[in-house]
PDB file of N, CA and C in Angstrom:
ATOM      1  N   MET A   1      -0.406  26.212   2.552  1.00  0.00           N
ATOM      2  CA  MET A   1      -0.466  24.991   1.785  1.00  0.00           C
ATOM      3  C   MET A   1      -1.506  24.057   2.421  1.00  0.00           C
ATOM      4  N   PRO A   2      -2.322  23.385   1.617  1.00  0.00           N
ATOM      5  CA  PRO A   2      -3.299  22.436   2.158  1.00  0.00           C
ATOM      6  C   PRO A   2      -2.590  21.267   2.850  1.00  0.00           C
ATOM      7  N   ASP A   3      -3.250  20.686   3.843  1.00  0.00           N
ATOM      8  CA  ASP A   3      -2.708  19.519   4.545  1.00  0.00           C
ATOM      9  C   ASP A   3      -2.937  18.251   3.739  1.00  0.00           C
ATOM     10  N   PHE A   4      -1.910  17.414   3.661  1.00  0.00           N
ATOM     11  CA  PHE A   4      -2.050  16.092   3.049  1.00  0.00           C
ATOM     12  C   PHE A   4      -2.785  15.209   4.037  1.00  0.00           C
ATOM     13  N   SER A   5      -3.917  14.648   3.636  1.00  0.00           N
ATOM     14  CA  SER A   5      -4.705  13.858   4.578  1.00  0.00           C
ATOM     15  C   SER A   5      -5.186  12.514   4.037  1.00  0.00           C
ATOM     16  N   PHE A   6      -5.153  12.308   2.728  1.00  0.00           N
ATOM     17  CA  PHE A   6      -5.683  11.080   2.140  1.00  0.00           C
ATOM     18  C   PHE A   6      -4.798  10.575   1.022  1.00  0.00           C
ATOM     19  N   LEU A   7      -4.713   9.268   0.952  1.00  0.00           N
ATOM     20  CA  LEU A   7      -4.212   8.565  -0.208  1.00  0.00           C
ATOM     21  C   LEU A   7      -5.381   7.694  -0.637  1.00  0.00           C
ATOM     22  N   ILE A   8      -5.828   7.831  -1.858  1.00  0.00           N
ATOM     23  CA  ILE A   8      -6.979   7.054  -2.321  1.00  0.00           C
ATOM     24  C   ILE A   8      -6.539   6.150  -3.465  1.00  0.00           C
ATOM     25  N   LEU A   9      -6.858   4.874  -3.302  1.00  0.00           N
ATOM     26  CA  LEU A   9      -6.623   3.894  -4.353  1.00  0.00           C
ATOM     27  C   LEU A   9      -7.969   3.469  -4.911  1.00  0.00           C
ATOM     28  N   TYR A  10      -8.045   3.344  -6.226  1.00  0.00           N
ATOM     29  CA  TYR A  10      -9.254   2.842  -6.862  1.00  0.00           C
ATOM     30  C   TYR A  10      -9.133   1.325  -6.930  1.00  0.00           C
ATOM     31  N   VAL A  11     -10.116   0.639  -6.355  1.00  0.00           N
ATOM     32  CA  VAL A  11     -10.063  -0.811  -6.205  1.00  0.00           C
ATOM     33  C   VAL A  11     -11.339  -1.454  -6.741  1.00  0.00           C
ATOM     34  N   ASP A  12     -11.270  -2.739  -6.981  1.00  0.00           N
ATOM     35  CA  ASP A  12     -12.424  -3.459  -7.492  1.00  0.00           C
ATOM     36  C   ASP A  12     -13.477  -3.691  -6.409  1.00  0.00           C
ATOM     37  N   ASN A  13     -13.043  -4.007  -5.189  1.00  0.00           N
ATOM     38  CA  ASN A  13     -13.961  -4.379  -4.105  1.00  0.00           C
ATOM     39  C   ASN A  13     -13.476  -3.719  -2.811  1.00  0.00           C
ATOM     40  N   PRO A  14     -13.997  -2.531  -2.469  1.00  0.00           N
ATOM     41  CA  PRO A  14     -13.502  -1.828  -1.276  1.00  0.00           C
ATOM     42  C   PRO A  14     -13.536  -2.639   0.018  1.00  0.00           C
ATOM     43  N   PRO A  15     -14.614  -3.375   0.347  1.00  0.00           N
ATOM     44  CA  PRO A  15     -14.563  -4.154   1.586  1.00  0.00           C
ATOM     45  C   PRO A  15     -13.437  -5.203   1.588  1.00  0.00           C
ATOM     46  N   ALA A  16     -13.226  -5.874   0.468  1.00  0.00           N
ATOM     47  CA  ALA A  16     -12.153  -6.869   0.384  1.00  0.00           C
ATOM     48  C   ALA A  16     -10.789  -6.194   0.489  1.00  0.00           C
ATOM     49  N   SER A  17     -10.626  -5.063  -0.169  1.00  0.00           N
ATOM     50  CA  SER A  17      -9.355  -4.339  -0.091  1.00  0.00           C
ATOM     51  C   SER A  17      -9.114  -3.811   1.319  1.00  0.00           C
ATOM     52  N   ALA A  18     -10.176  -3.375   1.995  1.00  0.00           N
ATOM     53  CA  ALA A  18     -10.046  -2.898   3.371  1.00  0.00           C
ATOM     54  C   ALA A  18      -9.576  -4.036   4.277  1.00  0.00           C
ATOM     55  N   ALA A  19     -10.123  -5.215   4.098  1.00  0.00           N
ATOM     56  CA  ALA A  19      -9.695  -6.366   4.898  1.00  0.00           C
ATOM     57  C   ALA A  19      -8.232  -6.694   4.608  1.00  0.00           C
ATOM     58  N   PHE A  20      -7.841  -6.631   3.344  1.00  0.00           N
ATOM     59  CA  PHE A  20      -6.454  -6.888   2.960  1.00  0.00           C
ATOM     60  C   PHE A  20      -5.512  -5.910   3.657  1.00  0.00           C
ATOM     61  N   TYR A  21      -5.774  -4.614   3.512  1.00  0.00           N
ATOM     62  CA  TYR A  21      -4.889  -3.601   4.097  1.00  0.00           C
ATOM     63  C   TYR A  21      -4.938  -3.601   5.621  1.00  0.00           C
ATOM     64  N   SER A  22      -6.085  -3.862   6.206  1.00  0.00           N
ATOM     65  CA  SER A  22      -6.180  -3.935   7.658  1.00  0.00           C
ATOM     66  C   SER A  22      -5.289  -5.057   8.193  1.00  0.00           C
ATOM     67  N   GLY A  23      -5.342  -6.210   7.566  1.00  0.00           N
ATOM     68  CA  GLY A  23      -4.494  -7.320   7.980  1.00  0.00           C
ATOM     69  C   GLY A  23      -3.024  -7.075   7.715  1.00  0.00           C
ATOM     70  N   LEU A  24      -2.723  -6.450   6.593  1.00  0.00           N
ATOM     71  CA  LEU A  24      -1.336  -6.206   6.214  1.00  0.00           C
ATOM     72  C   LEU A  24      -0.675  -5.161   7.102  1.00  0.00           C
ATOM     73  N   LEU A  25      -1.408  -4.085   7.406  1.00  0.00           N
ATOM     74  CA  LEU A  25      -0.834  -2.960   8.139  1.00  0.00           C
ATOM     75  C   LEU A  25      -1.190  -2.941   9.621  1.00  0.00           C
ATOM     76  N   GLY A  26      -2.081  -3.831  10.040  1.00  0.00           N
ATOM     77  CA  GLY A  26      -2.471  -3.860  11.441  1.00  0.00           C
ATOM     78  C   GLY A  26      -3.260  -2.639  11.866  1.00  0.00           C
ATOM     79  N   GLN A  27      -4.032  -2.078  10.961  1.00  0.00           N
ATOM     80  CA  GLN A  27      -4.846  -0.900  11.239  1.00  0.00           C
ATOM     81  C   GLN A  27      -6.324  -1.265  11.123  1.00  0.00           C
ATOM     82  N   PRO A  28      -7.168  -0.663  11.950  1.00  0.00           N
ATOM     83  CA  PRO A  28      -8.602  -0.967  11.870  1.00  0.00           C
ATOM     84  C   PRO A  28      -9.262  -0.261  10.692  1.00  0.00           C
ATOM     85  N   VAL A  29     -10.263  -0.877  10.142  1.00  0.00           N
ATOM     86  CA  VAL A  29     -11.101  -0.220   9.134  1.00  0.00           C
ATOM     87  C   VAL A  29     -12.052   0.688   9.904  1.00  0.00           C
ATOM     88  N   ILE A  30     -12.022   1.993   9.618  1.00  0.00           N
ATOM     89  CA  ILE A  30     -12.856   2.920  10.394  1.00  0.00           C
ATOM     90  C   ILE A  30     -14.089   3.380   9.637  1.00  0.00           C
ATOM     91  N   GLU A  31     -14.134   3.085   8.350  1.00  0.00           N
ATOM     92  CA  GLU A  31     -15.343   3.364   7.563  1.00  0.00           C
ATOM     93  C   GLU A  31     -15.433   2.314   6.484  1.00  0.00           C
ATOM     94  N   GLN A  32     -16.631   1.780   6.292  1.00  0.00           N
ATOM     95  CA  GLN A  32     -16.791   0.763   5.264  1.00  0.00           C
ATOM     96  C   GLN A  32     -18.194   0.813   4.692  1.00  0.00           C
ATOM     97  N   ALA A  33     -18.257   0.852   3.379  1.00  0.00           N
ATOM     98  CA  ALA A  33     -19.505   0.810   2.623  1.00  0.00           C
ATOM     99  C   ALA A  33     -19.214  -0.014   1.370  1.00  0.00           C
ATOM    100  N   PRO A  34     -20.222  -0.369   0.609  1.00  0.00           N
ATOM    101  CA  PRO A  34     -19.962  -1.167  -0.589  1.00  0.00           C
ATOM    102  C   PRO A  34     -19.032  -0.488  -1.599  1.00  0.00           C
ATOM    103  N   THR A  35     -19.028   0.863  -1.625  1.00  0.00           N
ATOM    104  CA  THR A  35     -18.230   1.552  -2.639  1.00  0.00           C
ATOM    105  C   THR A  35     -17.028   2.305  -2.086  1.00  0.00           C
ATOM    106  N   PHE A  36     -16.847   2.320  -0.760  1.00  0.00           N
ATOM    107  CA  PHE A  36     -15.725   3.063  -0.173  1.00  0.00           C
ATOM    108  C   PHE A  36     -15.383   2.486   1.201  1.00  0.00           C
ATOM    109  N   ALA A  37     -14.094   2.429   1.481  1.00  0.00           N
ATOM    110  CA  ALA A  37     -13.624   2.035   2.811  1.00  0.00           C
ATOM    111  C   ALA A  37     -12.420   2.899   3.157  1.00  0.00           C
ATOM    112  N   MET A  38     -12.155   3.010   4.478  1.00  0.00           N
ATOM    113  CA  MET A  38     -11.065   3.875   4.913  1.00  0.00           C
ATOM    114  C   MET A  38     -10.421   3.305   6.168  1.00  0.00           C
ATOM    115  N   LEU A  39      -9.092   3.442   6.234  1.00  0.00           N
ATOM    116  CA  LEU A  39      -8.369   3.090   7.440  1.00  0.00           C
ATOM    117  C   LEU A  39      -7.228   4.076   7.643  1.00  0.00           C
ATOM    118  N   PRO A  40      -6.806   4.275   8.895  1.00  0.00           N
ATOM    119  CA  PRO A  40      -5.735   5.224   9.153  1.00  0.00           C
ATOM    120  C   PRO A  40      -4.382   4.641   8.755  1.00  0.00           C
ATOM    121  N   LEU A  41      -3.524   5.524   8.245  1.00  0.00           N
ATOM    122  CA  LEU A  41      -2.139   5.129   8.006  1.00  0.00           C
ATOM    123  C   LEU A  41      -1.272   5.610   9.168  1.00  0.00           C
ATOM    124  N   ARG A  42      -1.265   6.944   9.382  1.00  0.00           N
ATOM    125  CA  ARG A  42      -0.539   7.521  10.515  1.00  0.00           C
ATOM    126  C   ARG A  42      -0.771   9.016  10.572  1.00  0.00           C
ATOM    127  N   ASP A  43      -0.644   9.582  11.741  1.00  0.00           N
ATOM    128  CA  ASP A  43      -0.667  11.032  11.949  1.00  0.00           C
ATOM    129  C   ASP A  43      -1.741  11.755  11.130  1.00  0.00           C
ATOM    130  N   GLY A  44      -2.973  11.254  11.158  1.00  0.00           N
ATOM    131  CA  GLY A  44      -4.054  11.925  10.458  1.00  0.00           C
ATOM    132  C   GLY A  44      -4.134  11.650   8.971  1.00  0.00           C
ATOM    133  N   VAL A  45      -3.282  10.792   8.448  1.00  0.00           N
ATOM    134  CA  VAL A  45      -3.315  10.441   7.025  1.00  0.00           C
ATOM    135  C   VAL A  45      -4.106   9.145   6.886  1.00  0.00           C
ATOM    136  N   MET A  46      -5.100   9.167   6.010  1.00  0.00           N
ATOM    137  CA  MET A  46      -5.992   8.026   5.811  1.00  0.00           C
ATOM    138  C   MET A  46      -5.743   7.370   4.464  1.00  0.00           C
ATOM    139  N   LEU A  47      -6.007   6.073   4.415  1.00  0.00           N
ATOM    140  CA  LEU A  47      -6.003   5.331   3.163  1.00  0.00           C
ATOM    141  C   LEU A  47      -7.451   5.117   2.777  1.00  0.00           C
ATOM    142  N   GLY A  48      -7.863   5.710   1.672  1.00  0.00           N
ATOM    143  CA  GLY A  48      -9.203   5.518   1.145  1.00  0.00           C
ATOM    144  C   GLY A  48      -9.171   4.487   0.036  1.00  0.00           C
ATOM    145  N   LEU A  49     -10.163   3.631   0.011  1.00  0.00           N
ATOM    146  CA  LEU A  49     -10.282   2.584  -1.001  1.00  0.00           C
ATOM    147  C   LEU A  49     -11.631   2.762  -1.670  1.00  0.00           C
ATOM    148  N   TRP A  50     -11.626   3.305  -2.874  1.00  0.00           N
ATOM    149  CA  TRP A  50     -12.839   3.712  -3.563  1.00  0.00           C
ATOM    150  C   TRP A  50     -13.075   2.779  -4.741  1.00  0.00           C
ATOM    151  N   SER A  51     -14.300   2.358  -4.928  1.00  0.00           N
ATOM    152  CA  SER A  51     -14.626   1.460  -6.035  1.00  0.00           C
ATOM    153  C   SER A  51     -14.287   2.118  -7.370  1.00  0.00           C
ATOM    154  N   ARG A  52     -13.472   1.450  -8.147  1.00  0.00           N
ATOM    155  CA  ARG A  52     -13.119   1.979  -9.473  1.00  0.00           C
ATOM    156  C   ARG A  52     -14.340   2.035 -10.391  1.00  0.00           C
ATOM    157  N   HIS A  53     -15.422   1.356  -9.988  1.00  0.00           N
ATOM    158  CA  HIS A  53     -16.636   1.307 -10.800  1.00  0.00           C
ATOM    159  C   HIS A  53     -17.580   2.473 -10.497  1.00  0.00           C
ATOM    160  N   THR A  54     -17.380   3.148  -9.357  1.00  0.00           N
ATOM    161  CA  THR A  54     -18.307   4.211  -8.966  1.00  0.00           C
ATOM    162  C   THR A  54     -17.643   5.558  -8.718  1.00  0.00           C
ATOM    163  N   VAL A  55     -16.311   5.635  -8.777  1.00  0.00           N
ATOM    164  CA  VAL A  55     -15.622   6.896  -8.516  1.00  0.00           C
ATOM    165  C   VAL A  55     -16.076   7.948  -9.532  1.00  0.00           C
ATOM    166  N   GLU A  56     -16.291   9.167  -9.038  1.00  0.00           N
ATOM    167  CA  GLU A  56     -16.696  10.269  -9.914  1.00  0.00           C
ATOM    168  C   GLU A  56     -15.773  11.444  -9.698  1.00  0.00           C
ATOM    169  N   PRO A  57     -15.294  12.050 -10.753  1.00  0.00           N
ATOM    170  CA  PRO A  57     -15.457  11.604 -12.140  1.00  0.00           C
ATOM    171  C   PRO A  57     -14.732  10.281 -12.361  1.00  0.00           C
ATOM    172  N   ALA A  58     -15.182   9.569 -13.369  1.00  0.00           N
ATOM    173  CA  ALA A  58     -14.623   8.255 -13.666  1.00  0.00           C
ATOM    174  C   ALA A  58     -13.112   8.358 -13.857  1.00  0.00           C
ATOM    175  N   ALA A  59     -12.406   7.390 -13.322  1.00  0.00           N
ATOM    176  CA  ALA A  59     -10.949   7.354 -13.442  1.00  0.00           C
ATOM    177  C   ALA A  59     -10.552   6.519 -14.648  1.00  0.00           C
ATOM    178  N   SER A  60      -9.441   6.894 -15.254  1.00  0.00           N
ATOM    179  CA  SER A  60      -8.891   6.094 -16.338  1.00  0.00           C
ATOM    180  C   SER A  60      -7.491   5.663 -15.931  1.00  0.00           C
ATOM    181  N   GLY A  61      -6.948   4.731 -16.646  1.00  0.00           N
ATOM    182  CA  GLY A  61      -5.618   4.243 -16.310  1.00  0.00           C
ATOM    183  C   GLY A  61      -5.701   2.879 -15.652  1.00  0.00           C
ATOM    184  N   ALA A  62      -4.534   2.338 -15.368  1.00  0.00           N
ATOM    185  CA  ALA A  62      -4.462   0.997 -14.803  1.00  0.00           C
ATOM    186  C   ALA A  62      -3.649   1.022 -13.517  1.00  0.00           C
ATOM    187  N   SER A  63      -3.852   0.014 -12.690  1.00  0.00           N
ATOM    188  CA  SER A  63      -3.053  -0.139 -11.486  1.00  0.00           C
ATOM    189  C   SER A  63      -1.615  -0.442 -11.869  1.00  0.00           C
ATOM    190  N   GLY A  64      -0.697  -0.132 -10.989  1.00  0.00           N
ATOM    191  CA  GLY A  64       0.704  -0.465 -11.226  1.00  0.00           C
ATOM    192  C   GLY A  64       1.522   0.669 -11.809  1.00  0.00           C
ATOM    193  N   PHE A  65       0.897   1.814 -12.092  1.00  0.00           N
ATOM    194  CA  PHE A  65       1.629   2.947 -12.640  1.00  0.00           C
ATOM    195  C   PHE A  65       2.063   3.924 -11.558  1.00  0.00           C
ATOM    196  N   SER A  66       1.813   3.571 -10.314  1.00  0.00           N
ATOM    197  CA  SER A  66       2.265   4.364  -9.183  1.00  0.00           C
ATOM    198  C   SER A  66       2.519   3.409  -8.027  1.00  0.00           C
ATOM    199  N   GLU A  67       3.058   3.948  -6.930  1.00  0.00           N
ATOM    200  CA  GLU A  67       3.399   3.103  -5.798  1.00  0.00           C
ATOM    201  C   GLU A  67       2.949   3.734  -4.495  1.00  0.00           C
ATOM    202  N   VAL A  68       2.697   2.872  -3.527  1.00  0.00           N
ATOM    203  CA  VAL A  68       2.557   3.284  -2.142  1.00  0.00           C
ATOM    204  C   VAL A  68       3.847   2.801  -1.483  1.00  0.00           C
ATOM    205  N   ALA A  69       4.584   3.723  -0.867  1.00  0.00           N
ATOM    206  CA  ALA A  69       5.887   3.368  -0.307  1.00  0.00           C
ATOM    207  C   ALA A  69       5.865   3.437   1.214  1.00  0.00           C
ATOM    208  N   PHE A  70       6.540   2.494   1.834  1.00  0.00           N
ATOM    209  CA  PHE A  70       6.637   2.392   3.287  1.00  0.00           C
ATOM    210  C   PHE A  70       8.114   2.384   3.675  1.00  0.00           C
ATOM    211  N   THR A  71       8.523   3.320   4.503  1.00  0.00           N
ATOM    212  CA  THR A  71       9.905   3.402   4.967  1.00  0.00           C
ATOM    213  C   THR A  71      10.053   2.598   6.255  1.00  0.00           C
ATOM    214  N   VAL A  72      11.122   1.837   6.352  1.00  0.00           N
ATOM    215  CA  VAL A  72      11.422   1.077   7.567  1.00  0.00           C
ATOM    216  C   VAL A  72      12.813   1.461   8.068  1.00  0.00           C
ATOM    217  N   SER A  73      13.184   0.923   9.230  1.00  0.00           N
ATOM    218  CA  SER A  73      14.385   1.383   9.924  1.00  0.00           C
ATOM    219  C   SER A  73      15.693   0.798   9.420  1.00  0.00           C
ATOM    220  N   ASP A  74      15.661  -0.419   8.871  1.00  0.00           N
ATOM    221  CA  ASP A  74      16.922  -1.019   8.416  1.00  0.00           C
ATOM    222  C   ASP A  74      16.641  -2.141   7.415  1.00  0.00           C
ATOM    223  N   ALA A  75      17.728  -2.637   6.808  1.00  0.00           N
ATOM    224  CA  ALA A  75      17.599  -3.671   5.772  1.00  0.00           C
ATOM    225  C   ALA A  75      17.030  -4.969   6.338  1.00  0.00           C
ATOM    226  N   ALA A  76      17.303  -5.278   7.601  1.00  0.00           N
ATOM    227  CA  ALA A  76      16.735  -6.483   8.205  1.00  0.00           C
ATOM    228  C   ALA A  76      15.216  -6.397   8.259  1.00  0.00           C
ATOM    229  N   GLU A  77      14.674  -5.195   8.497  1.00  0.00           N
ATOM    230  CA  GLU A  77      13.222  -5.015   8.522  1.00  0.00           C
ATOM    231  C   GLU A  77      12.639  -5.165   7.114  1.00  0.00           C
ATOM    232  N   VAL A  78      13.359  -4.705   6.102  1.00  0.00           N
ATOM    233  CA  VAL A  78      12.934  -4.925   4.711  1.00  0.00           C
ATOM    234  C   VAL A  78      12.807  -6.429   4.465  1.00  0.00           C
ATOM    235  N   ALA A  79      13.814  -7.184   4.862  1.00  0.00           N
ATOM    236  CA  ALA A  79      13.799  -8.641   4.657  1.00  0.00           C
ATOM    237  C   ALA A  79      12.680  -9.303   5.454  1.00  0.00           C
ATOM    238  N   ARG A  80      12.463  -8.874   6.700  1.00  0.00           N
ATOM    239  CA  ARG A  80      11.416  -9.463   7.532  1.00  0.00           C
ATOM    240  C   ARG A  80      10.037  -9.233   6.921  1.00  0.00           C
ATOM    241  N   ILE A  81       9.761  -8.003   6.482  1.00  0.00           N
ATOM    242  CA  ILE A  81       8.454  -7.704   5.891  1.00  0.00           C
ATOM    243  C   ILE A  81       8.296  -8.445   4.564  1.00  0.00           C
ATOM    244  N   HIS A  82       9.362  -8.504   3.769  1.00  0.00           N
ATOM    245  CA  HIS A  82       9.308  -9.268   2.519  1.00  0.00           C
ATOM    246  C   HIS A  82       8.891 -10.703   2.792  1.00  0.00           C
ATOM    247  N   ASP A  83       9.540 -11.347   3.778  1.00  0.00           N
ATOM    248  CA  ASP A  83       9.225 -12.745   4.089  1.00  0.00           C
ATOM    249  C   ASP A  83       7.781 -12.887   4.579  1.00  0.00           C
ATOM    250  N   ASP A  84       7.328 -11.931   5.403  1.00  0.00           N
ATOM    251  CA  ASP A  84       5.954 -11.963   5.913  1.00  0.00           C
ATOM    252  C   ASP A  84       4.950 -11.816   4.767  1.00  0.00           C
ATOM    253  N   TRP A  85       5.160 -10.823   3.919  1.00  0.00           N
ATOM    254  CA  TRP A  85       4.214 -10.588   2.826  1.00  0.00           C
ATOM    255  C   TRP A  85       4.218 -11.734   1.827  1.00  0.00           C
ATOM    256  N   LYS A  86       5.379 -12.305   1.569  1.00  0.00           N
ATOM    257  CA  LYS A  86       5.452 -13.456   0.674  1.00  0.00           C
ATOM    258  C   LYS A  86       4.682 -14.634   1.274  1.00  0.00           C
ATOM    259  N   ALA A  87       4.838 -14.857   2.583  1.00  0.00           N
ATOM    260  CA  ALA A  87       4.107 -15.932   3.259  1.00  0.00           C
ATOM    261  C   ALA A  87       2.603 -15.689   3.244  1.00  0.00           C
ATOM    262  N   ARG A  88       2.179 -14.430   3.209  1.00  0.00           N
ATOM    263  CA  ARG A  88       0.756 -14.096   3.127  1.00  0.00           C
ATOM    264  C   ARG A  88       0.200 -14.307   1.724  1.00  0.00           C
ATOM    265  N   GLY A  89       1.080 -14.560   0.765  1.00  0.00           N
ATOM    266  CA  GLY A  89       0.640 -14.817  -0.598  1.00  0.00           C
ATOM    267  C   GLY A  89       0.676 -13.618  -1.525  1.00  0.00           C
ATOM    268  N   LEU A  90       1.261 -12.496  -1.084  1.00  0.00           N
ATOM    269  CA  LEU A  90       1.365 -11.342  -1.979  1.00  0.00           C
ATOM    270  C   LEU A  90       2.310 -11.670  -3.124  1.00  0.00           C
ATOM    271  N   THR A  91       2.004 -11.157  -4.295  1.00  0.00           N
ATOM    272  CA  THR A  91       2.899 -11.300  -5.431  1.00  0.00           C
ATOM    273  C   THR A  91       4.070 -10.358  -5.226  1.00  0.00           C
ATOM    274  N   ILE A  92       5.273 -10.884  -5.264  1.00  0.00           N
ATOM    275  CA  ILE A  92       6.491 -10.090  -5.121  1.00  0.00           C
ATOM    276  C   ILE A  92       7.046  -9.872  -6.527  1.00  0.00           C
ATOM    277  N   ILE A  93       7.134  -8.607  -6.944  1.00  0.00           N
ATOM    278  CA  ILE A  93       7.650  -8.328  -8.288  1.00  0.00           C
ATOM    279  C   ILE A  93       9.102  -7.865  -8.255  1.00  0.00           C
ATOM    280  N   GLN A  94       9.619  -7.563  -7.065  1.00  0.00           N
ATOM    281  CA  GLN A  94      11.039  -7.274  -6.903  1.00  0.00           C
ATOM    282  C   GLN A  94      11.459  -7.799  -5.527  1.00  0.00           C
ATOM    283  N   ALA A  95      12.339  -8.774  -5.524  1.00  0.00           N
ATOM    284  CA  ALA A  95      12.870  -9.308  -4.264  1.00  0.00           C
ATOM    285  C   ALA A  95      13.733  -8.234  -3.601  1.00  0.00           C
ATOM    286  N   PRO A  96      14.054  -8.386  -2.327  1.00  0.00           N
ATOM    287  CA  PRO A  96      14.920  -7.399  -1.682  1.00  0.00           C
ATOM    288  C   PRO A  96      16.185  -7.149  -2.514  1.00  0.00           C
ATOM    289  N   THR A  97      16.397  -5.884  -2.807  1.00  0.00           N
ATOM    290  CA  THR A  97      17.451  -5.464  -3.715  1.00  0.00           C
ATOM    291  C   THR A  97      18.091  -4.185  -3.192  1.00  0.00           C
ATOM    292  N   ARG A  98      19.387  -4.088  -3.317  1.00  0.00           N
ATOM    293  CA  ARG A  98      20.083  -2.847  -2.977  1.00  0.00           C
ATOM    294  C   ARG A  98      20.068  -1.972  -4.225  1.00  0.00           C
ATOM    295  N   MET A  99      19.511  -0.756  -4.097  1.00  0.00           N
ATOM    296  CA  MET A  99      19.453   0.186  -5.209  1.00  0.00           C
ATOM    297  C   MET A  99      20.161   1.471  -4.788  1.00  0.00           C
ATOM    298  N   ASP A 100      20.232   2.446  -5.675  1.00  0.00           N
ATOM    299  CA  ASP A 100      20.979   3.663  -5.347  1.00  0.00           C
ATOM    300  C   ASP A 100      20.351   4.462  -4.210  1.00  0.00           C
ATOM    301  N   PHE A 101      19.075   4.266  -3.910  1.00  0.00           N
ATOM    302  CA  PHE A 101      18.413   5.003  -2.823  1.00  0.00           C
ATOM    303  C   PHE A 101      18.314   4.200  -1.536  1.00  0.00           C
ATOM    304  N   GLY A 102      18.654   2.898  -1.574  1.00  0.00           N
ATOM    305  CA  GLY A 102      18.584   2.059  -0.390  1.00  0.00           C
ATOM    306  C   GLY A 102      18.187   0.636  -0.735  1.00  0.00           C
ATOM    307  N   THR A 103      17.842  -0.132   0.285  1.00  0.00           N
ATOM    308  CA  THR A 103      17.405  -1.514   0.110  1.00  0.00           C
ATOM    309  C   THR A 103      15.884  -1.533   0.035  1.00  0.00           C
ATOM    310  N   THR A 104      15.335  -2.302  -0.906  1.00  0.00           N
ATOM    311  CA  THR A 104      13.908  -2.245  -1.195  1.00  0.00           C
ATOM    312  C   THR A 104      13.395  -3.572  -1.712  1.00  0.00           C
ATOM    313  N   PHE A 105      12.070  -3.740  -1.647  1.00  0.00           N
ATOM    314  CA  PHE A 105      11.374  -4.778  -2.405  1.00  0.00           C
ATOM    315  C   PHE A 105      10.013  -4.219  -2.783  1.00  0.00           C
ATOM    316  N   VAL A 106       9.366  -4.851  -3.773  1.00  0.00           N
ATOM    317  CA  VAL A 106       8.060  -4.394  -4.239  1.00  0.00           C
ATOM    318  C   VAL A 106       7.114  -5.587  -4.343  1.00  0.00           C
ATOM    319  N   ALA A 107       5.922  -5.403  -3.775  1.00  0.00           N
ATOM    320  CA  ALA A 107       4.854  -6.398  -3.846  1.00  0.00           C
ATOM    321  C   ALA A 107       3.649  -5.754  -4.527  1.00  0.00           C
ATOM    322  N   LEU A 108       2.664  -6.579  -4.853  1.00  0.00           N
ATOM    323  CA  LEU A 108       1.416  -6.078  -5.435  1.00  0.00           C
ATOM    324  C   LEU A 108       0.258  -6.372  -4.499  1.00  0.00           C
ATOM    325  N   ASP A 109      -0.675  -5.416  -4.403  1.00  0.00           N
ATOM    326  CA  ASP A 109      -1.916  -5.693  -3.675  1.00  0.00           C
ATOM    327  C   ASP A 109      -2.862  -6.445  -4.615  1.00  0.00           C
ATOM    328  N   PRO A 110      -4.030  -6.880  -4.162  1.00  0.00           N
ATOM    329  CA  PRO A 110      -4.931  -7.659  -5.019  1.00  0.00           C
ATOM    330  C   PRO A 110      -5.395  -6.925  -6.285  1.00  0.00           C
ATOM    331  N   ASP A 111      -5.323  -5.580  -6.285  1.00  0.00           N
ATOM    332  CA  ASP A 111      -5.723  -4.818  -7.468  1.00  0.00           C
ATOM    333  C   ASP A 111      -4.541  -4.465  -8.369  1.00  0.00           C
ATOM    334  N   GLY A 112      -3.346  -4.908  -8.012  1.00  0.00           N
ATOM    335  CA  GLY A 112      -2.165  -4.639  -8.824  1.00  0.00           C
ATOM    336  C   GLY A 112      -1.439  -3.353  -8.474  1.00  0.00           C
ATOM    337  N   HIS A 113      -1.827  -2.684  -7.374  1.00  0.00           N
ATOM    338  CA  HIS A 113      -1.097  -1.499  -6.930  1.00  0.00           C
ATOM    339  C   HIS A 113       0.242  -1.942  -6.355  1.00  0.00           C
ATOM    340  N   ARG A 114       1.300  -1.188  -6.687  1.00  0.00           N
ATOM    341  CA  ARG A 114       2.642  -1.503  -6.192  1.00  0.00           C
ATOM    342  C   ARG A 114       2.798  -1.042  -4.749  1.00  0.00           C
ATOM    343  N   LEU A 115       3.363  -1.894  -3.928  1.00  0.00           N
ATOM    344  CA  LEU A 115       3.655  -1.591  -2.524  1.00  0.00           C
ATOM    345  C   LEU A 115       5.162  -1.744  -2.343  1.00  0.00           C
ATOM    346  N   ARG A 116       5.845  -0.624  -2.165  1.00  0.00           N
ATOM    347  CA  ARG A 116       7.299  -0.646  -2.006  1.00  0.00           C
ATOM    348  C   ARG A 116       7.655  -0.469  -0.537  1.00  0.00           C
ATOM    349  N   VAL A 117       8.502  -1.340  -0.033  1.00  0.00           N
ATOM    350  CA  VAL A 117       9.066  -1.212   1.310  1.00  0.00           C
ATOM    351  C   VAL A 117      10.550  -0.929   1.111  1.00  0.00           C
ATOM    352  N   PHE A 118      11.065   0.086   1.835  1.00  0.00           N
ATOM    353  CA  PHE A 118      12.479   0.408   1.654  1.00  0.00           C
ATOM    354  C   PHE A 118      13.065   1.044   2.906  1.00  0.00           C
ATOM    355  N   VAL A 119      14.367   0.970   2.976  1.00  0.00           N
ATOM    356  CA  VAL A 119      15.142   1.699   3.963  1.00  0.00           C
ATOM    357  C   VAL A 119      16.046   2.639   3.177  1.00  0.00           C
ATOM    358  N   PRO A 120      16.019   3.929   3.485  1.00  0.00           N
ATOM    359  CA  PRO A 120      16.906   4.852   2.767  1.00  0.00           C
ATOM    360  C   PRO A 120      18.366   4.439   2.928  1.00  0.00           C
ATOM    361  N   GLN A 121      19.155   4.755   1.936  1.00  0.00           N
ATOM    362  CA  GLN A 121      20.558   4.347   1.885  1.00  0.00           C
ATOM    363  C   GLN A 121      21.330   4.730   3.147  1.00  0.00           C
ATOM    364  N   ASP A 122      21.095   5.906   3.683  1.00  0.00           N
ATOM    365  CA  ASP A 122      21.832   6.332   4.864  1.00  0.00           C
ATOM    366  C   ASP A 122      21.536   5.459   6.076  1.00  0.00           C
ATOM    367  N   ALA A 123      20.364   4.833   6.114  1.00  0.00           N
ATOM    368  CA  ALA A 123      19.993   4.009   7.257  1.00  0.00           C
ATOM    369  C   ALA A 123      20.297   2.529   7.018  1.00  0.00           C
ATOM    370  N   ALA A 124      20.572   2.171   5.773  1.00  0.00           N
ATOM    371  CA  ALA A 124      20.758   0.740   5.422  1.00  0.00           C
ATOM    372  C   ALA A 124      21.990   0.138   6.049  1.00  0.00           C
TER     373      ALA A 124
END
């Protein structure tokens, strides 16, 4: 099976999105150009930010139809990150909520991509 190594989001302005994600996740931008930027997520997995205006083949669809999810250790960490991201000015589309899979909240990045933070139910 091929190794999973990249998550690529199509964004309006890769340098601006790279600065956003670098500040949000505390990761350095390791590649940056006008049409593409990249930063590490973890264990060899990279976040690529590709200009939606130059990606080939051209992409169709809109932001918000998928999510980038981040698992944390407990419900208190969900609340802490929610408060931090809200203070940073991120749009919160779901406040911390207990759901059948655990405690979660959802924010939007500047391009409208959903960012879900959650703790699985067994750890909540």
